[in-house]
Amino acid sequence: MVKGIIDRFKGKFAVVEIGGITKDFPKSIFPKSASVGDVAEIIGEKVKVTGALLEQR
C-alpha cells in the first residue's frame, strides 16, 4: 500500500505526493469524487480516498 496526497490532475494522470516526491498514476483508477488535497491509499490498481489532509505550511 502506498499513501499520499493528490497534488493535481494532469491529463489522464493523477499526480500524488508521496513522502515529498510526486508520482503519476492513471486517473482512471481514482474514484470520480477524488479531488486535489485528498489523501489516497493506493493498493495495486485500486485507490481509496480517505479525505483531505489539512496541513499548515
N, C-alpha and C. Protein backbone atom coordinates (compact mmCIF):
# COMPACT_ATOMS: atom_id res chain seq x y z
N MET A 1 0.84 -1.19 0.00
CA MET A 1 0.00 0.00 0.00
C MET A 1 0.88 1.24 0.00
N VAL A 2 0.47 2.20 -0.79
CA VAL A 2 1.14 3.50 -0.85
C VAL A 2 0.12 4.55 -0.43
N LYS A 3 0.53 5.46 0.42
CA LYS A 3 -0.38 6.51 0.89
C LYS A 3 0.23 7.87 0.55
N GLY A 4 -0.58 8.72 -0.07
CA GLY A 4 -0.09 10.04 -0.44
C GLY A 4 -1.23 11.04 -0.57
N ILE A 5 -0.88 12.23 -0.99
CA ILE A 5 -1.84 13.32 -1.14
C ILE A 5 -1.95 13.67 -2.63
N ILE A 6 -3.18 13.77 -3.11
CA ILE A 6 -3.37 14.14 -4.52
C ILE A 6 -2.94 15.59 -4.68
N ASP A 7 -1.93 15.80 -5.50
CA ASP A 7 -1.36 17.13 -5.73
C ASP A 7 -2.09 17.86 -6.85
N ARG A 8 -2.39 17.13 -7.94
CA ARG A 8 -3.08 17.73 -9.08
C ARG A 8 -3.47 16.64 -10.06
N PHE A 9 -4.32 17.02 -11.00
CA PHE A 9 -4.68 16.14 -12.10
C PHE A 9 -4.08 16.74 -13.37
N LYS A 10 -3.43 15.88 -14.17
CA LYS A 10 -2.72 16.34 -15.37
C LYS A 10 -3.09 15.40 -16.51
N GLY A 11 -4.03 15.84 -17.35
CA GLY A 11 -4.47 14.99 -18.45
C GLY A 11 -5.08 13.70 -17.94
N LYS A 12 -4.51 12.57 -18.33
CA LYS A 12 -5.03 11.26 -17.92
C LYS A 12 -4.38 10.75 -16.63
N PHE A 13 -3.66 11.63 -15.94
CA PHE A 13 -2.93 11.21 -14.74
C PHE A 13 -3.34 12.00 -13.51
N ALA A 14 -3.22 11.34 -12.35
CA ALA A 14 -3.34 11.99 -11.06
C ALA A 14 -1.93 12.04 -10.49
N VAL A 15 -1.49 13.21 -10.10
CA VAL A 15 -0.15 13.38 -9.54
C VAL A 15 -0.30 13.32 -8.02
N VAL A 16 0.37 12.35 -7.41
CA VAL A 16 0.24 12.11 -5.97
C VAL A 16 1.59 12.36 -5.31
N GLU A 17 1.58 13.14 -4.22
CA GLU A 17 2.81 13.38 -3.46
C GLU A 17 2.94 12.30 -2.39
N ILE A 18 4.06 11.61 -2.45
CA ILE A 18 4.35 10.53 -1.50
C ILE A 18 5.71 10.81 -0.88
N GLY A 19 5.72 11.15 0.38
CA GLY A 19 6.98 11.42 1.07
C GLY A 19 7.80 12.52 0.44
N GLY A 20 7.13 13.55 -0.06
CA GLY A 20 7.83 14.69 -0.65
C GLY A 20 8.19 14.54 -2.12
N ILE A 21 7.88 13.39 -2.70
CA ILE A 21 8.17 13.13 -4.11
C ILE A 21 6.85 12.89 -4.83
N THR A 22 6.69 13.44 -6.03
CA THR A 22 5.45 13.23 -6.78
C THR A 22 5.59 12.06 -7.74
N LYS A 23 4.46 11.36 -7.91
CA LYS A 23 4.42 10.22 -8.81
C LYS A 23 3.09 10.24 -9.56
N ASP A 24 3.13 9.92 -10.85
CA ASP A 24 1.92 9.91 -11.67
C ASP A 24 1.26 8.53 -11.62
N PHE A 25 -0.07 8.54 -11.47
CA PHE A 25 -0.87 7.32 -11.50
C PHE A 25 -1.99 7.54 -12.52
N PRO A 26 -2.48 6.49 -13.15
CA PRO A 26 -3.59 6.66 -14.08
C PRO A 26 -4.82 7.23 -13.36
N LYS A 27 -5.36 8.29 -13.91
CA LYS A 27 -6.54 8.93 -13.32
C LYS A 27 -7.72 7.97 -13.27
N SER A 28 -7.74 7.01 -14.18
CA SER A 28 -8.86 6.07 -14.28
C SER A 28 -9.01 5.15 -13.06
N ILE A 29 -7.96 4.99 -12.25
CA ILE A 29 -8.07 4.13 -11.07
C ILE A 29 -8.59 4.88 -9.84
N PHE A 30 -8.74 6.20 -9.96
CA PHE A 30 -9.22 7.02 -8.85
C PHE A 30 -10.73 7.17 -8.91
N PRO A 31 -11.38 7.23 -7.76
CA PRO A 31 -12.83 7.47 -7.78
C PRO A 31 -13.12 8.85 -8.38
N LYS A 32 -14.27 8.98 -9.01
CA LYS A 32 -14.65 10.27 -9.62
C LYS A 32 -14.75 11.37 -8.58
N SER A 33 -14.97 11.01 -7.33
CA SER A 33 -15.10 12.01 -6.26
C SER A 33 -13.77 12.52 -5.75
N ALA A 34 -12.65 11.92 -6.19
CA ALA A 34 -11.32 12.34 -5.73
C ALA A 34 -11.03 13.78 -6.17
N SER A 35 -10.41 14.53 -5.26
CA SER A 35 -10.05 15.91 -5.60
C SER A 35 -8.69 16.26 -5.00
N VAL A 36 -8.14 17.35 -5.47
CA VAL A 36 -6.84 17.82 -5.01
C VAL A 36 -6.87 18.02 -3.50
N GLY A 37 -5.84 17.52 -2.82
CA GLY A 37 -5.74 17.63 -1.37
C GLY A 37 -6.23 16.41 -0.63
N ASP A 38 -6.92 15.51 -1.33
CA ASP A 38 -7.40 14.28 -0.69
C ASP A 38 -6.25 13.33 -0.42
N VAL A 39 -6.38 12.56 0.66
CA VAL A 39 -5.43 11.50 0.97
C VAL A 39 -5.86 10.27 0.18
N ALA A 40 -4.93 9.68 -0.54
CA ALA A 40 -5.24 8.50 -1.34
C ALA A 40 -4.41 7.31 -0.86
N GLU A 41 -5.09 6.19 -0.67
CA GLU A 41 -4.40 4.93 -0.35
C GLU A 41 -4.44 4.10 -1.62
N ILE A 42 -3.27 3.81 -2.17
CA ILE A 42 -3.17 3.12 -3.45
C ILE A 42 -2.65 1.71 -3.20
N ILE A 43 -3.47 0.74 -3.60
CA ILE A 43 -3.11 -0.67 -3.47
C ILE A 43 -3.25 -1.29 -4.86
N GLY A 44 -2.13 -1.48 -5.53
CA GLY A 44 -2.16 -2.01 -6.89
C GLY A 44 -2.93 -1.11 -7.83
N GLU A 45 -4.02 -1.62 -8.36
CA GLU A 45 -4.85 -0.85 -9.29
C GLU A 45 -6.11 -0.30 -8.62
N LYS A 46 -6.12 -0.27 -7.29
CA LYS A 46 -7.27 0.24 -6.56
C LYS A 46 -6.85 1.42 -5.70
N VAL A 47 -7.73 2.42 -5.63
CA VAL A 47 -7.45 3.61 -4.83
C VAL A 47 -8.63 3.88 -3.90
N LYS A 48 -8.32 4.14 -2.64
CA LYS A 48 -9.32 4.54 -1.67
C LYS A 48 -8.97 5.96 -1.24
N VAL A 49 -9.94 6.85 -1.38
CA VAL A 49 -9.74 8.25 -0.98
C VAL A 49 -10.31 8.42 0.41
N THR A 50 -9.48 8.89 1.33
CA THR A 50 -9.89 8.99 2.73
C THR A 50 -10.17 10.41 3.18
N GLY A 51 -10.17 11.36 2.27
CA GLY A 51 -10.48 12.74 2.64
C GLY A 51 -9.27 13.64 2.58
N ALA A 52 -9.52 14.92 2.82
CA ALA A 52 -8.47 15.92 2.71
C ALA A 52 -7.58 15.94 3.94
N LEU A 53 -6.32 16.19 3.71
CA LEU A 53 -5.35 16.34 4.79
C LEU A 53 -5.12 17.83 4.99
N LEU A 54 -5.40 18.31 6.18
CA LEU A 54 -5.16 19.73 6.46
C LEU A 54 -3.73 19.88 6.91
N GLU A 55 -3.03 20.75 6.23
CA GLU A 55 -1.61 20.94 6.52
C GLU A 55 -1.29 22.42 6.48
N GLN A 56 -0.61 22.90 7.51
CA GLN A 56 -0.17 24.28 7.50
C GLN A 56 1.25 24.33 7.01
N ARG A 57 1.53 25.29 6.14
CA ARG A 57 2.89 25.42 5.59
C ARG A 57 3.45 26.75 5.98
